[in-house]
């Protein structure tokens, strides 16, 4: 579940292994590129953390972030 904190949307994901985590990140990358809205993320082995905010709006959460979060959820 996405949480809004510190002017960012945040969600943590856990997968069975690195390969599945990386496959998920690849899918997210394709969606983010299509939307021209790119996440800040961290990946360590089977865990992916994603932080979303809109830089053009002063690094706050906007509708663009909510749309990308919903698209990311659709990849699961």
PDB file of N, CA and C in Angstrom:
ATOM      1  N   UNK A   1       0.844  -1.180   0.000  1.00  0.00           N
ATOM      2  CA  UNK A   1       0.000   0.000   0.000  1.00  0.00           C
ATOM      3  C   UNK A   1       0.891   1.246   0.000  1.00  0.00           C
ATOM      4  N   UNK A   2       0.527   2.214  -0.821  1.00  0.00           N
ATOM      5  CA  UNK A   2       1.274   3.463  -0.918  1.00  0.00           C
ATOM      6  C   UNK A   2       1.006   4.317   0.311  1.00  0.00           C
ATOM      7  N   UNK A   3       2.062   4.976   0.781  1.00  0.00           N
ATOM      8  CA  UNK A   3       1.964   5.888   1.915  1.00  0.00           C
ATOM      9  C   UNK A   3       2.468   7.249   1.467  1.00  0.00           C
ATOM     10  N   UNK A   4       1.804   8.295   1.901  1.00  0.00           N
ATOM     11  CA  UNK A   4       2.294   9.630   1.606  1.00  0.00           C
ATOM     12  C   UNK A   4       3.008  10.157   2.844  1.00  0.00           C
ATOM     13  N   UNK A   5       4.306  10.456   2.670  1.00  0.00           N
ATOM     14  CA  UNK A   5       5.085  10.999   3.782  1.00  0.00           C
ATOM     15  C   UNK A   5       6.232  11.831   3.221  1.00  0.00           C
ATOM     16  N   UNK A   6       6.537  12.890   3.904  1.00  0.00           N
ATOM     17  CA  UNK A   6       7.629  13.775   3.511  1.00  0.00           C
ATOM     18  C   UNK A   6       7.517  14.216   2.052  1.00  0.00           C
ATOM     19  N   UNK A   7       6.312  14.590   1.643  1.00  0.00           N
ATOM     20  CA  UNK A   7       6.054  15.058   0.281  1.00  0.00           C
ATOM     21  C   UNK A   7       6.424  14.040  -0.785  1.00  0.00           C
ATOM     22  N   UNK A   8       6.234  12.760  -0.467  1.00  0.00           N
ATOM     23  CA  UNK A   8       6.489  11.692  -1.427  1.00  0.00           C
ATOM     24  C   UNK A   8       5.470  10.581  -1.222  1.00  0.00           C
ATOM     25  N   UNK A   9       5.161   9.891  -2.321  1.00  0.00           N
ATOM     26  CA  UNK A   9       4.431   8.627  -2.209  1.00  0.00           C
ATOM     27  C   UNK A   9       5.490   7.539  -2.093  1.00  0.00           C
ATOM     28  N   UNK A  10       5.290   6.617  -1.178  1.00  0.00           N
ATOM     29  CA  UNK A  10       6.276   5.562  -0.925  1.00  0.00           C
ATOM     30  C   UNK A  10       5.589   4.204  -0.877  1.00  0.00           C
ATOM     31  N   UNK A  11       6.273   3.233  -1.461  1.00  0.00           N
ATOM     32  CA  UNK A  11       5.817   1.846  -1.315  1.00  0.00           C
ATOM     33  C   UNK A  11       7.018   0.923  -1.421  1.00  0.00           C
ATOM     34  N   UNK A  12       6.991  -0.128  -0.634  1.00  0.00           N
ATOM     35  CA  UNK A  12       8.021  -1.158  -0.645  1.00  0.00           C
ATOM     36  C   UNK A  12       7.433  -2.425  -1.256  1.00  0.00           C
ATOM     37  N   UNK A  13       8.225  -3.100  -2.065  1.00  0.00           N
ATOM     38  CA  UNK A  13       7.805  -4.340  -2.723  1.00  0.00           C
ATOM     39  C   UNK A  13       8.836  -5.418  -2.406  1.00  0.00           C
ATOM     40  N   UNK A  14       8.369  -6.642  -2.234  1.00  0.00           N
ATOM     41  CA  UNK A  14       9.278  -7.770  -1.994  1.00  0.00           C
ATOM     42  C   UNK A  14       8.923  -8.895  -2.955  1.00  0.00           C
ATOM     43  N   UNK A  15       9.959  -9.464  -3.562  1.00  0.00           N
ATOM     44  CA  UNK A  15       9.793 -10.521  -4.559  1.00  0.00           C
ATOM     45  C   UNK A  15      10.544 -11.761  -4.114  1.00  0.00           C
ATOM     46  N   UNK A  16      10.391 -12.836  -4.856  1.00  0.00           N
ATOM     47  CA  UNK A  16      11.014 -14.096  -4.455  1.00  0.00           C
ATOM     48  C   UNK A  16      12.530 -14.070  -4.611  1.00  0.00           C
ATOM     49  N   UNK A  17      13.029 -13.298  -5.575  1.00  0.00           N
ATOM     50  CA  UNK A  17      14.479 -13.229  -5.779  1.00  0.00           C
ATOM     51  C   UNK A  17      14.835 -11.976  -6.582  1.00  0.00           C
ATOM     52  N   UNK A  18      16.111 -11.784  -6.837  1.00  0.00           N
ATOM     53  CA  UNK A  18      16.596 -10.611  -7.562  1.00  0.00           C
ATOM     54  C   UNK A  18      16.040 -10.551  -8.974  1.00  0.00           C
ATOM     55  N   UNK A  19      15.961 -11.687  -9.630  1.00  0.00           N
ATOM     56  CA  UNK A  19      15.474 -11.736 -11.009  1.00  0.00           C
ATOM     57  C   UNK A  19      14.050 -11.192 -11.101  1.00  0.00           C
ATOM     58  N   UNK A  20      13.184 -11.583 -10.184  1.00  0.00           N
ATOM     59  CA  UNK A  20      11.806 -11.099 -10.196  1.00  0.00           C
ATOM     60  C   UNK A  20      11.726  -9.615  -9.845  1.00  0.00           C
ATOM     61  N   UNK A  21      12.568  -9.175  -8.913  1.00  0.00           N
ATOM     62  CA  UNK A  21      12.605  -7.752  -8.566  1.00  0.00           C
ATOM     63  C   UNK A  21      13.058  -6.926  -9.760  1.00  0.00           C
ATOM     64  N   UNK A  22      14.075  -7.393 -10.457  1.00  0.00           N
ATOM     65  CA  UNK A  22      14.589  -6.667 -11.610  1.00  0.00           C
ATOM     66  C   UNK A  22      13.587  -6.669 -12.764  1.00  0.00           C
ATOM     67  N   UNK A  23      12.876  -7.769 -12.955  1.00  0.00           N
ATOM     68  CA  UNK A  23      11.842  -7.835 -13.986  1.00  0.00           C
ATOM     69  C   UNK A  23      10.744  -6.806 -13.697  1.00  0.00           C
ATOM     70  N   UNK A  24      10.365  -6.693 -12.437  1.00  0.00           N
ATOM     71  CA  UNK A  24       9.375  -5.696 -12.037  1.00  0.00           C
ATOM     72  C   UNK A  24       9.889  -4.286 -12.324  1.00  0.00           C
ATOM     73  N   UNK A  25      11.137  -4.022 -11.986  1.00  0.00           N
ATOM     74  CA  UNK A  25      11.719  -2.704 -12.229  1.00  0.00           C
ATOM     75  C   UNK A  25      11.748  -2.381 -13.723  1.00  0.00           C
ATOM     76  N   UNK A  26      11.997  -3.375 -14.536  1.00  0.00           N
ATOM     77  CA  UNK A  26      11.998  -3.156 -15.985  1.00  0.00           C
ATOM     78  C   UNK A  26      10.607  -2.760 -16.461  1.00  0.00           C
ATOM     79  N   UNK A  27       9.587  -3.434 -15.954  1.00  0.00           N
ATOM     80  CA  UNK A  27       8.206  -3.089 -16.317  1.00  0.00           C
ATOM     81  C   UNK A  27       7.863  -1.672 -15.860  1.00  0.00           C
ATOM     82  N   UNK A  28       8.271  -1.331 -14.638  1.00  0.00           N
ATOM     83  CA  UNK A  28       8.019   0.015 -14.121  1.00  0.00           C
ATOM     84  C   UNK A  28       8.737   1.049 -14.990  1.00  0.00           C
ATOM     85  N   UNK A  29       9.972   0.745 -15.377  1.00  0.00           N
ATOM     86  CA  UNK A  29      10.740   1.679 -16.199  1.00  0.00           C
ATOM     87  C   UNK A  29      10.033   1.978 -17.516  1.00  0.00           C
ATOM     88  N   UNK A  30       9.465   0.973 -18.135  1.00  0.00           N
ATOM     89  CA  UNK A  30       8.763   1.171 -19.411  1.00  0.00           C
ATOM     90  C   UNK A  30       7.517   2.035 -19.237  1.00  0.00           C
ATOM     91  N   UNK A  31       6.764   1.798 -18.164  1.00  0.00           N
ATOM     92  CA  UNK A  31       5.571   2.598 -17.879  1.00  0.00           C
ATOM     93  C   UNK A  31       5.971   4.034 -17.541  1.00  0.00           C
ATOM     94  N   UNK A  32       6.979   4.187 -16.705  1.00  0.00           N
ATOM     95  CA  UNK A  32       7.429   5.522 -16.293  1.00  0.00           C
ATOM     96  C   UNK A  32       7.920   6.328 -17.491  1.00  0.00           C
ATOM     97  N   UNK A  33       8.638   5.691 -18.387  1.00  0.00           N
ATOM     98  CA  UNK A  33       9.137   6.380 -19.577  1.00  0.00           C
ATOM     99  C   UNK A  33       7.976   6.825 -20.465  1.00  0.00           C
ATOM    100  N   UNK A  34       6.994   5.958 -20.612  1.00  0.00           N
ATOM    101  CA  UNK A  34       5.820   6.301 -21.420  1.00  0.00           C
ATOM    102  C   UNK A  34       5.065   7.489 -20.822  1.00  0.00           C
ATOM    103  N   UNK A  35       5.027   7.551 -19.486  1.00  0.00           N
ATOM    104  CA  UNK A  35       4.339   8.636 -18.793  1.00  0.00           C
ATOM    105  C   UNK A  35       5.240   9.865 -18.615  1.00  0.00           C
ATOM    106  N   UNK A  36       6.516   9.723 -18.970  1.00  0.00           N
ATOM    107  CA  UNK A  36       7.516  10.773 -18.765  1.00  0.00           C
ATOM    108  C   UNK A  36       7.519  11.253 -17.313  1.00  0.00           C
ATOM    109  N   UNK A  37       7.495  10.278 -16.421  1.00  0.00           N
ATOM    110  CA  UNK A  37       7.488  10.565 -14.977  1.00  0.00           C
ATOM    111  C   UNK A  37       8.282   9.456 -14.299  1.00  0.00           C
ATOM    112  N   UNK A  38       9.439   9.767 -13.798  1.00  0.00           N
ATOM    113  CA  UNK A  38      10.394   8.740 -13.388  1.00  0.00           C
ATOM    114  C   UNK A  38      10.551   8.673 -11.873  1.00  0.00           C
ATOM    115  N   UNK A  39      10.563   7.463 -11.330  1.00  0.00           N
ATOM    116  CA  UNK A  39      10.653   7.299  -9.881  1.00  0.00           C
ATOM    117  C   UNK A  39      12.087   7.391  -9.374  1.00  0.00           C
ATOM    118  N   UNK A  40      12.183   7.673  -8.089  1.00  0.00           N
ATOM    119  CA  UNK A  40      13.419   7.445  -7.340  1.00  0.00           C
ATOM    120  C   UNK A  40      13.197   6.085  -6.710  1.00  0.00           C
ATOM    121  N   UNK A  41      14.154   5.176  -6.892  1.00  0.00           N
ATOM    122  CA  UNK A  41      13.955   3.855  -6.313  1.00  0.00           C
ATOM    123  C   UNK A  41      15.255   3.264  -5.813  1.00  0.00           C
ATOM    124  N   UNK A  42      15.086   2.279  -4.950  1.00  0.00           N
ATOM    125  CA  UNK A  42      16.210   1.558  -4.355  1.00  0.00           C
ATOM    126  C   UNK A  42      15.923   0.070  -4.535  1.00  0.00           C
ATOM    127  N   UNK A  43      16.946  -0.660  -4.953  1.00  0.00           N
ATOM    128  CA  UNK A  43      16.809  -2.108  -5.097  1.00  0.00           C
ATOM    129  C   UNK A  43      17.953  -2.787  -4.382  1.00  0.00           C
ATOM    130  N   UNK A  44      17.623  -3.688  -3.493  1.00  0.00           N
ATOM    131  CA  UNK A  44      18.601  -4.557  -2.850  1.00  0.00           C
ATOM    132  C   UNK A  44      18.034  -5.972  -2.911  1.00  0.00           C
ATOM    133  N   UNK A  45      18.710  -6.815  -3.656  1.00  0.00           N
ATOM    134  CA  UNK A  45      18.326  -8.204  -3.887  1.00  0.00           C
ATOM    135  C   UNK A  45      16.853  -8.316  -4.286  1.00  0.00           C
ATOM    136  N   UNK A  46      15.986  -8.777  -3.392  1.00  0.00           N
ATOM    137  CA  UNK A  46      14.590  -9.025  -3.778  1.00  0.00           C
ATOM    138  C   UNK A  46      13.644  -7.906  -3.346  1.00  0.00           C
ATOM    139  N   UNK A  47      14.193  -6.792  -2.869  1.00  0.00           N
ATOM    140  CA  UNK A  47      13.370  -5.687  -2.382  1.00  0.00           C
ATOM    141  C   UNK A  47      13.521  -4.472  -3.286  1.00  0.00           C
ATOM    142  N   UNK A  48      12.396  -3.826  -3.549  1.00  0.00           N
ATOM    143  CA  UNK A  48      12.371  -2.588  -4.329  1.00  0.00           C
ATOM    144  C   UNK A  48      11.562  -1.575  -3.534  1.00  0.00           C
ATOM    145  N   UNK A  49      12.146  -0.404  -3.310  1.00  0.00           N
ATOM    146  CA  UNK A  49      11.437   0.703  -2.677  1.00  0.00           C
ATOM    147  C   UNK A  49      11.287   1.798  -3.713  1.00  0.00           C
ATOM    148  N   UNK A  50      10.085   2.352  -3.822  1.00  0.00           N
ATOM    149  CA  UNK A  50       9.820   3.398  -4.805  1.00  0.00           C
ATOM    150  C   UNK A  50       9.299   4.636  -4.089  1.00  0.00           C
ATOM    151  N   UNK A  51       9.869   5.769  -4.472  1.00  0.00           N
ATOM    152  CA  UNK A  51       9.468   7.081  -3.964  1.00  0.00           C
ATOM    153  C   UNK A  51       9.027   7.928  -5.154  1.00  0.00           C
ATOM    154  N   UNK A  52       7.851   8.514  -5.080  1.00  0.00           N
ATOM    155  CA  UNK A  52       7.335   9.336  -6.165  1.00  0.00           C
ATOM    156  C   UNK A  52       7.049  10.752  -5.668  1.00  0.00           C
ATOM    157  N   UNK A  53       7.509  11.734  -6.421  1.00  0.00           N
ATOM    158  CA  UNK A  53       7.140  13.129  -6.227  1.00  0.00           C
ATOM    159  C   UNK A  53       7.351  13.830  -7.557  1.00  0.00           C
ATOM    160  N   UNK A  54       6.738  14.992  -7.696  1.00  0.00           N
ATOM    161  CA  UNK A  54       6.828  15.715  -8.960  1.00  0.00           C
ATOM    162  C   UNK A  54       7.814  16.863  -8.801  1.00  0.00           C
ATOM    163  N   UNK A  55       8.951  16.724  -9.441  1.00  0.00           N
ATOM    164  CA  UNK A  55      10.025  17.713  -9.316  1.00  0.00           C
ATOM    165  C   UNK A  55       9.601  19.072  -9.868  1.00  0.00           C
ATOM    166  N   UNK A  56       8.882  19.068 -10.993  1.00  0.00           N
ATOM    167  CA  UNK A  56       8.455  20.321 -11.624  1.00  0.00           C
ATOM    168  C   UNK A  56       7.493  21.125 -10.752  1.00  0.00           C
ATOM    169  N   UNK A  57       6.852  20.461  -9.802  1.00  0.00           N
ATOM    170  CA  UNK A  57       5.891  21.127  -8.926  1.00  0.00           C
ATOM    171  C   UNK A  57       6.504  21.470  -7.574  1.00  0.00           C
ATOM    172  N   UNK A  58       7.825  21.339  -7.461  1.00  0.00           N
ATOM    173  CA  UNK A  58       8.495  21.655  -6.201  1.00  0.00           C
ATOM    174  C   UNK A  58       8.680  20.465  -5.283  1.00  0.00           C
ATOM    175  N   UNK A  59       8.806  19.280  -5.880  1.00  0.00           N
ATOM    176  CA  UNK A  59       9.031  18.053  -5.114  1.00  0.00           C
ATOM    177  C   UNK A  59       7.915  17.764  -4.119  1.00  0.00           C
ATOM    178  N   UNK A  60       6.703  17.814  -4.610  1.00  0.00           N
ATOM    179  CA  UNK A  60       5.536  17.449  -3.812  1.00  0.00           C
ATOM    180  C   UNK A  60       4.756  16.374  -4.571  1.00  0.00           C
ATOM    181  N   UNK A  61       3.812  15.758  -3.891  1.00  0.00           N
ATOM    182  CA  UNK A  61       2.981  14.727  -4.507  1.00  0.00           C
ATOM    183  C   UNK A  61       1.873  15.404  -5.313  1.00  0.00           C
ATOM    184  N   UNK A  62       1.749  14.991  -6.566  1.00  0.00           N
ATOM    185  CA  UNK A  62       0.711  15.525  -7.442  1.00  0.00           C
ATOM    186  C   UNK A  62      -0.083  14.369  -8.054  1.00  0.00           C
ATOM    187  N   UNK A  63      -1.044  14.726  -8.875  1.00  0.00           N
ATOM    188  CA  UNK A  63      -1.854  13.721  -9.564  1.00  0.00           C
ATOM    189  C   UNK A  63      -0.984  12.820 -10.441  1.00  0.00           C
ATOM    190  N   UNK A  64       0.101  13.363 -10.993  1.00  0.00           N
ATOM    191  CA  UNK A  64       1.016  12.548 -11.816  1.00  0.00           C
ATOM    192  C   UNK A  64       1.571  11.383 -10.998  1.00  0.00           C
ATOM    193  N   UNK A  65       1.897  11.646  -9.747  1.00  0.00           N
ATOM    194  CA  UNK A  65       2.436  10.592  -8.881  1.00  0.00           C
ATOM    195  C   UNK A  65       1.381   9.534  -8.589  1.00  0.00           C
ATOM    196  N   UNK A  66       0.166   9.979  -8.332  1.00  0.00           N
ATOM    197  CA  UNK A  66      -0.921   9.029  -8.061  1.00  0.00           C
ATOM    198  C   UNK A  66      -1.220   8.175  -9.295  1.00  0.00           C
ATOM    199  N   UNK A  67      -1.156   8.784 -10.484  1.00  0.00           N
ATOM    200  CA  UNK A  67      -1.384   8.013 -11.722  1.00  0.00           C
ATOM    201  C   UNK A  67      -0.285   6.973 -11.926  1.00  0.00           C
ATOM    202  N   UNK A  68       0.971   7.364 -11.687  1.00  0.00           N
ATOM    203  CA  UNK A  68       2.063   6.403 -11.841  1.00  0.00           C
ATOM    204  C   UNK A  68       1.959   5.302 -10.786  1.00  0.00           C
ATOM    205  N   UNK A  69       1.626   5.652  -9.558  1.00  0.00           N
ATOM    206  CA  UNK A  69       1.464   4.642  -8.508  1.00  0.00           C
ATOM    207  C   UNK A  69       0.395   3.630  -8.890  1.00  0.00           C
ATOM    208  N   UNK A  70      -0.707   4.118  -9.438  1.00  0.00           N
ATOM    209  CA  UNK A  70      -1.785   3.212  -9.857  1.00  0.00           C
ATOM    210  C   UNK A  70      -1.306   2.322 -11.010  1.00  0.00           C
ATOM    211  N   UNK A  71      -0.556   2.878 -11.929  1.00  0.00           N
ATOM    212  CA  UNK A  71      -0.028   2.081 -13.036  1.00  0.00           C
ATOM    213  C   UNK A  71       0.951   1.027 -12.523  1.00  0.00           C
ATOM    214  N   UNK A  72       1.768   1.394 -11.557  1.00  0.00           N
ATOM    215  CA  UNK A  72       2.720   0.433 -10.964  1.00  0.00           C
ATOM    216  C   UNK A  72       1.945  -0.694 -10.277  1.00  0.00           C
ATOM    217  N   UNK A  73       0.918  -0.365  -9.541  1.00  0.00           N
ATOM    218  CA  UNK A  73       0.102  -1.402  -8.887  1.00  0.00           C
ATOM    219  C   UNK A  73      -0.487  -2.354  -9.907  1.00  0.00           C
ATOM    220  N   UNK A  74      -0.824  -1.844 -11.083  1.00  0.00           N
ATOM    221  CA  UNK A  74      -1.389  -2.680 -12.134  1.00  0.00           C
ATOM    222  C   UNK A  74      -0.406  -3.688 -12.696  1.00  0.00           C
ATOM    223  N   UNK A  75       0.877  -3.508 -12.420  1.00  0.00           N
ATOM    224  CA  UNK A  75       1.897  -4.444 -12.905  1.00  0.00           C
ATOM    225  C   UNK A  75       2.039  -5.671 -12.021  1.00  0.00           C
ATOM    226  N   UNK A  76       1.474  -5.605 -10.833  1.00  0.00           N
ATOM    227  CA  UNK A  76       1.636  -6.715  -9.869  1.00  0.00           C
ATOM    228  C   UNK A  76       0.711  -7.865 -10.187  1.00  0.00           C
TER     229      UNK A  76
END
